Amino acid sequence: EKYFVVCANMLGSPYGSSGPSTINPNTAKPYYFDFPLITVRDIVRA
């Protein structure tokens, strides 16, 4: 209430951010291993 607190979900996590368990729009199925590998820098950029 005093501060504006923010926490973003990491890429690759199954809690709402894009990752291997999210749906690939090209297949209508989870990406699985078709999702690009993720680095810490990717997470920060997102």
All heavy atoms as atom14 arrays in JSON, in Angstrom:
{
  "sequence": "EKYFVVCANMLGSPYGSSGPSTINPNTAKPYYFDFPLITVRDIVRA",
  "atom14_mask": [
    [1, 1, 1, 1, 1, 1, 1, 1, 1, 0, 0, 0, 0, 0],
    [1, 1, 1, 1, 1, 1, 1, 1, 1, 0, 0, 0, 0, 0],
    [1, 1, 1, 1, 1, 1, 1, 1, 1, 1, 1, 1, 0, 0],
    [1, 1, 1, 1, 1, 1, 1, 1, 1, 1, 1, 0, 0, 0],
    [1, 1, 1, 1, 1, 1, 1, 0, 0, 0, 0, 0, 0, 0],
    [1, 1, 1, 1, 1, 1, 1, 0, 0, 0, 0, 0, 0, 0],
    [1, 1, 1, 1, 1, 1, 0, 0, 0, 0, 0, 0, 0, 0],
    [1, 1, 1, 1, 1, 0, 0, 0, 0, 0, 0, 0, 0, 0],
    [1, 1, 1, 1, 1, 1, 1, 1, 0, 0, 0, 0, 0, 0],
    [1, 1, 1, 1, 1, 1, 1, 1, 0, 0, 0, 0, 0, 0],
    [1, 1, 1, 1, 1, 1, 1, 1, 0, 0, 0, 0, 0, 0],
    [1, 1, 1, 1, 0, 0, 0, 0, 0, 0, 0, 0, 0, 0],
    [1, 1, 1, 1, 1, 1, 0, 0, 0, 0, 0, 0, 0, 0],
    [1, 1, 1, 1, 1, 1, 1, 0, 0, 0, 0, 0, 0, 0],
    [1, 1, 1, 1, 1, 1, 1, 1, 1, 1, 1, 1, 0, 0],
    [1, 1, 1, 1, 0, 0, 0, 0, 0, 0, 0, 0, 0, 0],
    [1, 1, 1, 1, 1, 1, 0, 0, 0, 0, 0, 0, 0, 0],
    [1, 1, 1, 1, 1, 1, 0, 0, 0, 0, 0, 0, 0, 0],
    [1, 1, 1, 1, 0, 0, 0, 0, 0, 0, 0, 0, 0, 0],
    [1, 1, 1, 1, 1, 1, 1, 0, 0, 0, 0, 0, 0, 0],
    [1, 1, 1, 1, 1, 1, 0, 0, 0, 0, 0, 0, 0, 0],
    [1, 1, 1, 1, 1, 1, 1, 0, 0, 0, 0, 0, 0, 0],
    [1, 1, 1, 1, 1, 1, 1, 1, 0, 0, 0, 0, 0, 0],
    [1, 1, 1, 1, 1, 1, 1, 1, 0, 0, 0, 0, 0, 0],
    [1, 1, 1, 1, 1, 1, 1, 0, 0, 0, 0, 0, 0, 0],
    [1, 1, 1, 1, 1, 1, 1, 1, 0, 0, 0, 0, 0, 0],
    [1, 1, 1, 1, 1, 1, 1, 0, 0, 0, 0, 0, 0, 0],
    [1, 1, 1, 1, 1, 0, 0, 0, 0, 0, 0, 0, 0, 0],
    [1, 1, 1, 1, 1, 1, 1, 1, 1, 0, 0, 0, 0, 0],
    [1, 1, 1, 1, 1, 1, 1, 0, 0, 0, 0, 0, 0, 0],
    [1, 1, 1, 1, 1, 1, 1, 1, 1, 1, 1, 1, 0, 0],
    [1, 1, 1, 1, 1, 1, 1, 1, 1, 1, 1, 1, 0, 0],
    [1, 1, 1, 1, 1, 1, 1, 1, 1, 1, 1, 0, 0, 0],
    [1, 1, 1, 1, 1, 1, 1, 1, 0, 0, 0, 0, 0, 0],
    [1, 1, 1, 1, 1, 1, 1, 1, 1, 1, 1, 0, 0, 0],
    [1, 1, 1, 1, 1, 1, 1, 0, 0, 0, 0, 0, 0, 0],
    [1, 1, 1, 1, 1, 1, 1, 1, 0, 0, 0, 0, 0, 0],
    [1, 1, 1, 1, 1, 1, 1, 1, 0, 0, 0, 0, 0, 0],
    [1, 1, 1, 1, 1, 1, 1, 0, 0, 0, 0, 0, 0, 0],
    [1, 1, 1, 1, 1, 1, 1, 0, 0, 0, 0, 0, 0, 0],
    [1, 1, 1, 1, 1, 1, 1, 1, 1, 1, 1, 0, 0, 0],
    [1, 1, 1, 1, 1, 1, 1, 1, 0, 0, 0, 0, 0, 0],
    [1, 1, 1, 1, 1, 1, 1, 1, 0, 0, 0, 0, 0, 0],
    [1, 1, 1, 1, 1, 1, 1, 0, 0, 0, 0, 0, 0, 0],
    [1, 1, 1, 1, 1, 1, 1, 1, 1, 1, 1, 0, 0, 0],
    [1, 1, 1, 1, 1, 0, 0, 0, 0, 0, 0, 0, 0, 0]
  ],
  "atom14_positions": [
    [[0.82, -1.21, 0.0], [0.0, 0.0, 0.0], [0.86, 1.26, 0.0], [0.55, 2.25, -0.67], [-0.95, 0.0, 1.19], [-1.98, -1.12, 1.13], [-2.88, -1.18, 2.35], [-2.52, -0.58, 3.39], [-3.94, -1.84, 2.27], [0.0, 0.0, 0.0], [0.0, 0.0, 0.0], [0.0, 0.0, 0.0], [0.0, 0.0, 0.0], [0.0, 0.0, 0.0]],
    [[1.96, 1.22, 0.71], [2.87, 2.37, 0.76], [3.69, 2.49, -0.52], [3.9, 3.59, -1.04], [3.8, 2.23, 1.96], [4.84, 3.34, 2.08], [5.75, 3.11, 3.29], [6.82, 4.18, 3.4], [7.72, 3.93, 4.56], [0.0, 0.0, 0.0], [0.0, 0.0, 0.0], [0.0, 0.0, 0.0], [0.0, 0.0, 0.0], [0.0, 0.0, 0.0]],
    [[4.17, 1.34, -1.03], [5.01, 1.3, -2.22], [4.22, 0.76, -3.42], [3.18, 0.12, -3.25], [6.22, 0.4, -2.0], [7.1, 0.79, -0.84], [7.11, 0.05, 0.33], [7.94, 1.91, -0.92], [7.93, 0.4, 1.4], [8.76, 2.26, 0.14], [8.75, 1.51, 1.31], [9.55, 1.86, 2.36], [0.0, 0.0, 0.0], [0.0, 0.0, 0.0]],
    [[4.74, 1.02, -4.62], [4.21, 0.34, -5.79], [5.12, -0.87, -6.01], [6.27, -0.73, -6.46], [4.19, 1.23, -7.03], [3.51, 0.59, -8.21], [2.14, 0.38, -8.2], [4.23, 0.19, -9.32], [1.49, -0.24, -9.28], [3.59, -0.42, -10.4], [2.22, -0.63, -10.38], [0.0, 0.0, 0.0], [0.0, 0.0, 0.0], [0.0, 0.0, 0.0]],
    [[4.63, -2.04, -5.67], [5.42, -3.26, -5.72], [5.08, -4.03, -7.0], [3.91, -4.2, -7.35], [5.14, -4.15, -4.49], [5.98, -5.42, -4.53], [5.41, -3.37, -3.2], [0.0, 0.0, 0.0], [0.0, 0.0, 0.0], [0.0, 0.0, 0.0], [0.0, 0.0, 0.0], [0.0, 0.0, 0.0], [0.0, 0.0, 0.0], [0.0, 0.0, 0.0]],
    [[6.12, -4.47, -7.7], [5.95, -5.21, -8.96], [6.78, -6.48, -8.9], [7.9, -6.5, -8.38], [6.43, -4.38, -10.17], [6.08, -5.09, -11.48], [5.85, -2.98, -10.16], [0.0, 0.0, 0.0], [0.0, 0.0, 0.0], [0.0, 0.0, 0.0], [0.0, 0.0, 0.0], [0.0, 0.0, 0.0], [0.0, 0.0, 0.0], [0.0, 0.0, 0.0]],
    [[6.23, -7.55, -9.44], [7.0, -8.79, -9.63], [6.53, -9.41, -10.94], [5.33, -9.62, -11.15], [6.77, -9.76, -8.48], [7.7, -11.32, -8.64], [0.0, 0.0, 0.0], [0.0, 0.0, 0.0], [0.0, 0.0, 0.0], [0.0, 0.0, 0.0], [0.0, 0.0, 0.0], [0.0, 0.0, 0.0], [0.0, 0.0, 0.0], [0.0, 0.0, 0.0]],
    [[7.45, -9.65, -11.86], [7.13, -10.23, -13.16], [7.53, -11.7, -13.19], [8.58, -12.08, -12.68], [7.83, -9.46, -14.28], [0.0, 0.0, 0.0], [0.0, 0.0, 0.0], [0.0, 0.0, 0.0], [0.0, 0.0, 0.0], [0.0, 0.0, 0.0], [0.0, 0.0, 0.0], [0.0, 0.0, 0.0], [0.0, 0.0, 0.0], [0.0, 0.0, 0.0]],
    [[6.69, -12.51, -13.81], [6.96, -13.94, -13.95], [8.01, -14.18, -15.03], [7.92, -13.63, -16.12], [5.65, -14.64, -14.31], [5.77, -16.15, -14.36], [5.26, -16.78, -15.27], [6.42, -16.75, -13.4], [0.0, 0.0, 0.0], [0.0, 0.0, 0.0], [0.0, 0.0, 0.0], [0.0, 0.0, 0.0], [0.0, 0.0, 0.0], [0.0, 0.0, 0.0]],
    [[8.99, -15.01, -14.72], [10.06, -15.29, -15.66], [9.56, -15.97, -16.93], [8.64, -16.8, -16.88], [11.12, -16.2, -15.03], [11.92, -15.58, -13.92], [13.34, -16.63, -13.48], [12.53, -18.09, -12.84], [0.0, 0.0, 0.0], [0.0, 0.0, 0.0], [0.0, 0.0, 0.0], [0.0, 0.0, 0.0], [0.0, 0.0, 0.0], [0.0, 0.0, 0.0]],
    [[10.18, -15.65, -18.06], [9.94, -16.43, -19.27], [10.28, -17.89, -18.98], [11.24, -18.19, -18.27], [10.82, -15.93, -20.42], [10.54, -14.54, -20.98], [11.41, -14.31, -22.21], [9.07, -14.36, -21.33], [0.0, 0.0, 0.0], [0.0, 0.0, 0.0], [0.0, 0.0, 0.0], [0.0, 0.0, 0.0], [0.0, 0.0, 0.0], [0.0, 0.0, 0.0]],
    [[9.51, -18.8, -19.53], [9.76, -20.22, -19.32], [8.97, -20.8, -18.17], [8.84, -22.02, -18.05], [0.0, 0.0, 0.0], [0.0, 0.0, 0.0], [0.0, 0.0, 0.0], [0.0, 0.0, 0.0], [0.0, 0.0, 0.0], [0.0, 0.0, 0.0], [0.0, 0.0, 0.0], [0.0, 0.0, 0.0], [0.0, 0.0, 0.0], [0.0, 0.0, 0.0]],
    [[8.45, -19.96, -17.3], [7.68, -20.42, -16.15], [6.27, -20.77, -16.57], [5.71, -20.17, -17.49], [7.65, -19.32, -15.09], [6.72, -19.63, -14.07], [0.0, 0.0, 0.0], [0.0, 0.0, 0.0], [0.0, 0.0, 0.0], [0.0, 0.0, 0.0], [0.0, 0.0, 0.0], [0.0, 0.0, 0.0], [0.0, 0.0, 0.0], [0.0, 0.0, 0.0]],
    [[5.62, -21.74, -15.9], [4.25, -22.11, -16.28], [3.18, -21.22, -15.64], [2.0, -21.55, -15.72], [4.14, -23.55, -15.77], [5.0, -23.57, -14.55], [6.16, -22.66, -14.87], [0.0, 0.0, 0.0], [0.0, 0.0, 0.0], [0.0, 0.0, 0.0], [0.0, 0.0, 0.0], [0.0, 0.0, 0.0], [0.0, 0.0, 0.0], [0.0, 0.0, 0.0]],
    [[3.58, -20.12, -15.02], [2.62, -19.27, -14.31], [2.17, -18.05, -15.12], [1.92, -17.0, -14.56], [3.21, -18.84, -12.97], [3.34, -19.97, -11.99], [4.59, -20.39, -11.54], [2.22, -20.65, -11.52], [4.71, -21.44, -10.64], [2.33, -21.69, -10.63], [3.58, -22.09, -10.19], [3.7, -23.14, -9.31], [0.0, 0.0, 0.0], [0.0, 0.0, 0.0]],
    [[2.07, -18.21, -16.42], [1.46, -17.17, -17.23], [2.34, -16.49, -18.25], [1.84, -15.8, -19.13], [0.0, 0.0, 0.0], [0.0, 0.0, 0.0], [0.0, 0.0, 0.0], [0.0, 0.0, 0.0], [0.0, 0.0, 0.0], [0.0, 0.0, 0.0], [0.0, 0.0, 0.0], [0.0, 0.0, 0.0], [0.0, 0.0, 0.0], [0.0, 0.0, 0.0]],
    [[3.66, -16.66, -18.15], [4.56, -16.08, -19.15], [4.85, -17.1, -20.25], [4.68, -18.31, -20.06], [5.87, -15.64, -18.49], [5.64, -14.56, -17.61], [0.0, 0.0, 0.0], [0.0, 0.0, 0.0], [0.0, 0.0, 0.0], [0.0, 0.0, 0.0], [0.0, 0.0, 0.0], [0.0, 0.0, 0.0], [0.0, 0.0, 0.0], [0.0, 0.0, 0.0]],
    [[5.28, -16.61, -21.39], [5.56, -17.49, -22.52], [6.67, -18.48, -22.18], [7.67, -18.14, -21.53], [5.97, -16.67, -23.73], [4.9, -15.87, -24.19], [0.0, 0.0, 0.0], [0.0, 0.0, 0.0], [0.0, 0.0, 0.0], [0.0, 0.0, 0.0], [0.0, 0.0, 0.0], [0.0, 0.0, 0.0], [0.0, 0.0, 0.0], [0.0, 0.0, 0.0]],
    [[6.51, -19.7, -22.65], [7.5, -20.74, -22.4], [7.09, -22.02, -23.1], [6.14, -22.04, -23.9], [0.0, 0.0, 0.0], [0.0, 0.0, 0.0], [0.0, 0.0, 0.0], [0.0, 0.0, 0.0], [0.0, 0.0, 0.0], [0.0, 0.0, 0.0], [0.0, 0.0, 0.0], [0.0, 0.0, 0.0], [0.0, 0.0, 0.0], [0.0, 0.0, 0.0]],
    [[7.78, -23.11, -22.82], [7.51, -24.37, -23.53], [6.13, -24.95, -23.28], [5.64, -25.74, -24.08], [8.61, -25.31, -23.0], [8.97, -24.73, -21.66], [8.86, -23.26, -21.83], [0.0, 0.0, 0.0], [0.0, 0.0, 0.0], [0.0, 0.0, 0.0], [0.0, 0.0, 0.0], [0.0, 0.0, 0.0], [0.0, 0.0, 0.0], [0.0, 0.0, 0.0]],
    [[5.47, -24.55, -22.19], [4.14, -25.09, -21.9], [3.01, -24.21, -22.43], [1.84, -24.58, -22.3], [3.98, -25.3, -20.39], [4.08, -24.08, -19.68], [0.0, 0.0, 0.0], [0.0, 0.0, 0.0], [0.0, 0.0, 0.0], [0.0, 0.0, 0.0], [0.0, 0.0, 0.0], [0.0, 0.0, 0.0], [0.0, 0.0, 0.0], [0.0, 0.0, 0.0]],
    [[3.33, -23.05, -23.02], [2.29, -22.22, -23.61], [1.97, -22.7, -25.03], [2.73, -23.44, -25.64], [2.7, -20.73, -23.62], [3.96, -20.58, -24.27], [2.8, -20.18, -22.22], [0.0, 0.0, 0.0], [0.0, 0.0, 0.0], [0.0, 0.0, 0.0], [0.0, 0.0, 0.0], [0.0, 0.0, 0.0], [0.0, 0.0, 0.0], [0.0, 0.0, 0.0]],
    [[0.83, -22.26, -25.54], [0.35, -22.76, -26.82], [1.06, -22.07, -27.98], [1.13, -20.84, -28.05], [-1.17, -22.56, -26.94], [-1.9, -23.33, -25.83], [-1.67, -23.0, -28.31], [-1.68, -24.82, -25.87], [0.0, 0.0, 0.0], [0.0, 0.0, 0.0], [0.0, 0.0, 0.0], [0.0, 0.0, 0.0], [0.0, 0.0, 0.0], [0.0, 0.0, 0.0]],
    [[1.57, -22.9, -28.87], [2.17, -22.41, -30.12], [1.03, -22.12, -31.1], [0.29, -23.03, -31.48], [3.09, -23.49, -30.7], [3.8, -23.05, -31.95], [3.4, -22.11, -32.63], [4.89, -23.74, -32.3], [0.0, 0.0, 0.0], [0.0, 0.0, 0.0], [0.0, 0.0, 0.0], [0.0, 0.0, 0.0], [0.0, 0.0, 0.0], [0.0, 0.0, 0.0]],
    [[0.85, -20.86, -31.51], [-0.28, -20.53, -32.4], [-0.22, -21.24, -33.74], [-1.25, -21.39, -34.41], [-0.17, -19.01, -32.56], [1.25, -18.69, -32.24], [1.66, -19.69, -31.2], [0.0, 0.0, 0.0], [0.0, 0.0, 0.0], [0.0, 0.0, 0.0], [0.0, 0.0, 0.0], [0.0, 0.0, 0.0], [0.0, 0.0, 0.0], [0.0, 0.0, 0.0]],
    [[0.94, -21.72, -34.12], [1.08, -22.4, -35.41], [0.62, -23.86, -35.37], [0.34, -24.46, -36.41], [2.53, -22.34, -35.89], [2.99, -20.92, -36.15], [2.24, -20.1, -36.66], [4.23, -20.62, -35.76], [0.0, 0.0, 0.0], [0.0, 0.0, 0.0], [0.0, 0.0, 0.0], [0.0, 0.0, 0.0], [0.0, 0.0, 0.0], [0.0, 0.0, 0.0]],
    [[0.57, -24.43, -34.16], [0.2, -25.84, -34.04], [-1.02, -26.06, -33.14], [-1.57, -27.17, -33.13], [1.37, -26.67, -33.45], [1.64, -26.21, -32.12], [2.63, -26.51, -34.3], [0.0, 0.0, 0.0], [0.0, 0.0, 0.0], [0.0, 0.0, 0.0], [0.0, 0.0, 0.0], [0.0, 0.0, 0.0], [0.0, 0.0, 0.0], [0.0, 0.0, 0.0]],
    [[-1.4, -25.02, -32.38], [-2.48, -25.13, -31.38], [-2.15, -26.14, -30.29], [-3.05, -26.64, -29.6], [-3.81, -25.47, -32.06], [0.0, 0.0, 0.0], [0.0, 0.0, 0.0], [0.0, 0.0, 0.0], [0.0, 0.0, 0.0], [0.0, 0.0, 0.0], [0.0, 0.0, 0.0], [0.0, 0.0, 0.0], [0.0, 0.0, 0.0], [0.0, 0.0, 0.0]],
    [[-0.88, -26.44, -30.12], [-0.4, -27.33, -29.06], [0.72, -26.62, -28.3], [1.27, -25.62, -28.8], [0.14, -28.64, -29.66], [-0.91, -29.46, -30.39], [-0.27, -30.73, -30.97], [-1.3, -31.57, -31.7], [-0.7, -32.8, -32.29], [0.0, 0.0, 0.0], [0.0, 0.0, 0.0], [0.0, 0.0, 0.0], [0.0, 0.0, 0.0], [0.0, 0.0, 0.0]],
    [[1.09, -27.11, -27.12], [2.21, -26.48, -26.42], [3.48, -26.5, -27.28], [3.68, -27.4, -28.1], [2.38, -27.36, -25.18], [1.03, -27.94, -24.94], [0.45, -28.16, -26.31], [0.0, 0.0, 0.0], [0.0, 0.0, 0.0], [0.0, 0.0, 0.0], [0.0, 0.0, 0.0], [0.0, 0.0, 0.0], [0.0, 0.0, 0.0], [0.0, 0.0, 0.0]],
    [[4.32, -25.5, -27.07], [5.57, -25.44, -27.83], [6.47, -26.64, -27.55], [7.18, -27.11, -28.44], [6.35, -24.18, -27.44], [5.93, -22.9, -28.09], [5.07, -22.01, -27.43], [6.4, -22.53, -29.34], [4.7, -20.8, -28.01], [6.04, -21.33, -29.94], [5.19, -20.46, -29.26], [4.84, -19.29, -29.84], [0.0, 0.0, 0.0], [0.0, 0.0, 0.0]],
    [[6.49, -27.11, -26.33], [7.45, -28.11, -25.9], [8.87, -27.65, -26.3], [9.27, -26.55, -25.98], [7.12, -29.49, -26.48], [5.8, -30.05, -26.01], [4.74, -30.25, -26.9], [5.61, -30.39, -24.68], [3.52, -30.76, -26.46], [4.39, -30.92, -24.23], [3.37, -31.09, -25.14], [2.17, -31.59, -24.7], [0.0, 0.0, 0.0], [0.0, 0.0, 0.0]],
    [[9.6, -28.47, -27.05], [11.0, -28.15, -27.36], [11.15, -27.25, -28.59], [12.27, -26.93, -28.99], [11.82, -29.43, -27.53], [11.87, -30.25, -26.28], [11.12, -31.41, -26.17], [12.62, -29.84, -25.2], [11.14, -32.17, -25.01], [12.65, -30.59, -24.03], [11.9, -31.75, -23.93], [0.0, 0.0, 0.0], [0.0, 0.0, 0.0], [0.0, 0.0, 0.0]],
    [[10.04, -26.82, -29.16], [10.11, -25.85, -30.25], [10.26, -24.42, -29.72], [10.52, -23.5, -30.51], [8.85, -25.92, -31.13], [8.81, -27.18, -31.97], [9.9, -27.72, -32.28], [7.7, -27.63, -32.31], [0.0, 0.0, 0.0], [0.0, 0.0, 0.0], [0.0, 0.0, 0.0], [0.0, 0.0, 0.0], [0.0, 0.0, 0.0], [0.0, 0.0, 0.0]],
    [[10.11, -24.25, -28.42], [10.3, -22.92, -27.85], [11.79, -22.61, -27.82], [12.61, -23.48, -27.5], [9.73, -22.85, -26.43], [9.48, -21.44, -25.96], [8.31, -20.78, -26.29], [10.42, -20.78, -25.18], [8.08, -19.48, -25.87], [10.2, -19.48, -24.75], [9.01, -18.82, -25.1], [0.0, 0.0, 0.0], [0.0, 0.0, 0.0], [0.0, 0.0, 0.0]],
    [[12.19, -21.38, -28.14], [13.62, -21.04, -28.12], [14.21, -21.17, -26.71], [13.51, -20.97, -25.71], [13.64, -19.57, -28.57], [12.36, -19.37, -29.32], [11.36, -20.25, -28.64], [0.0, 0.0, 0.0], [0.0, 0.0, 0.0], [0.0, 0.0, 0.0], [0.0, 0.0, 0.0], [0.0, 0.0, 0.0], [0.0, 0.0, 0.0], [0.0, 0.0, 0.0]],
    [[15.48, -21.53, -26.66], [16.17, -21.55, -25.37], [16.2, -20.15, -24.77], [16.32, -19.15, -25.49], [17.59, -22.09, -25.52], [17.69, -23.6, -25.78], [19.14, -23.98, -26.06], [17.17, -24.4, -24.59], [0.0, 0.0, 0.0], [0.0, 0.0, 0.0], [0.0, 0.0, 0.0], [0.0, 0.0, 0.0], [0.0, 0.0, 0.0], [0.0, 0.0, 0.0]],
    [[16.09, -20.07, -23.46], [15.95, -18.8, -22.75], [17.2, -18.53, -21.92], [17.7, -19.41, -21.22], [14.73, -18.84, -21.8], [13.45, -19.14, -22.59], [14.59, -17.54, -21.02], [12.3, -19.56, -21.71], [0.0, 0.0, 0.0], [0.0, 0.0, 0.0], [0.0, 0.0, 0.0], [0.0, 0.0, 0.0], [0.0, 0.0, 0.0], [0.0, 0.0, 0.0]],
    [[17.71, -17.3, -22.0], [18.83, -16.9, -21.15], [18.34, -15.91, -20.1], [17.24, -15.36, -20.19], [19.94, -16.23, -21.97], [19.45, -14.97, -22.48], [20.4, -17.11, -23.13], [0.0, 0.0, 0.0], [0.0, 0.0, 0.0], [0.0, 0.0, 0.0], [0.0, 0.0, 0.0], [0.0, 0.0, 0.0], [0.0, 0.0, 0.0], [0.0, 0.0, 0.0]],
    [[19.19, -15.67, -19.11], [18.87, -14.68, -18.08], [18.64, -13.32, -18.73], [17.74, -12.56, -18.33], [19.99, -14.61, -17.03], [19.76, -13.45, -16.05], [20.07, -15.93, -16.26], [0.0, 0.0, 0.0], [0.0, 0.0, 0.0], [0.0, 0.0, 0.0], [0.0, 0.0, 0.0], [0.0, 0.0, 0.0], [0.0, 0.0, 0.0], [0.0, 0.0, 0.0]],
    [[19.42, -13.0, -19.75], [19.25, -11.71, -20.42], [17.91, -11.61, -21.12], [17.3, -10.54, -21.16], [20.41, -11.47, -21.4], [21.74, -11.3, -20.69], [22.89, -10.98, -21.62], [24.14, -11.03, -20.9], [25.33, -10.78, -21.43], [25.43, -10.47, -22.72], [26.42, -10.85, -20.7], [0.0, 0.0, 0.0], [0.0, 0.0, 0.0], [0.0, 0.0, 0.0]],
    [[17.41, -12.73, -21.66], [16.07, -12.73, -22.25], [15.02, -12.42, -21.18], [14.08, -11.66, -21.42], [15.76, -14.09, -22.88], [16.61, -14.4, -24.09], [16.99, -13.47, -24.82], [16.92, -15.6, -24.29], [0.0, 0.0, 0.0], [0.0, 0.0, 0.0], [0.0, 0.0, 0.0], [0.0, 0.0, 0.0], [0.0, 0.0, 0.0], [0.0, 0.0, 0.0]],
    [[15.17, -13.05, -20.02], [14.22, -12.83, -18.93], [14.21, -11.36, -18.53], [13.14, -10.75, -18.36], [14.58, -13.72, -17.72], [14.4, -15.2, -18.08], [13.73, -13.35, -16.51], [14.98, -16.16, -17.06], [0.0, 0.0, 0.0], [0.0, 0.0, 0.0], [0.0, 0.0, 0.0], [0.0, 0.0, 0.0], [0.0, 0.0, 0.0], [0.0, 0.0, 0.0]],
    [[15.38, -10.77, -18.4], [15.48, -9.36, -18.01], [14.89, -8.46, -19.09], [14.16, -7.5, -18.79], [16.94, -8.98, -17.71], [17.08, -7.48, -17.5], [17.43, -9.73, -16.47], [0.0, 0.0, 0.0], [0.0, 0.0, 0.0], [0.0, 0.0, 0.0], [0.0, 0.0, 0.0], [0.0, 0.0, 0.0], [0.0, 0.0, 0.0], [0.0, 0.0, 0.0]],
    [[15.19, -8.75, -20.35], [14.64, -7.93, -21.44], [13.11, -7.98, -21.45], [12.44, -6.96, -21.68], [15.19, -8.4, -22.78], [16.66, -8.02, -23.02], [17.23, -8.69, -24.26], [16.36, -8.55, -25.41], [15.9, -9.58, -26.13], [16.25, -10.83, -25.82], [15.12, -9.37, -27.15], [0.0, 0.0, 0.0], [0.0, 0.0, 0.0], [0.0, 0.0, 0.0]],
    [[12.55, -9.15, -21.19], [11.09, -9.28, -21.14], [10.51, -8.5, -19.96], [9.49, -7.82, -20.09], [10.7, -10.75, -21.06], [0.0, 0.0, 0.0], [0.0, 0.0, 0.0], [0.0, 0.0, 0.0], [0.0, 0.0, 0.0], [0.0, 0.0, 0.0], [0.0, 0.0, 0.0], [0.0, 0.0, 0.0], [0.0, 0.0, 0.0], [0.0, 0.0, 0.0]]
  ]
}
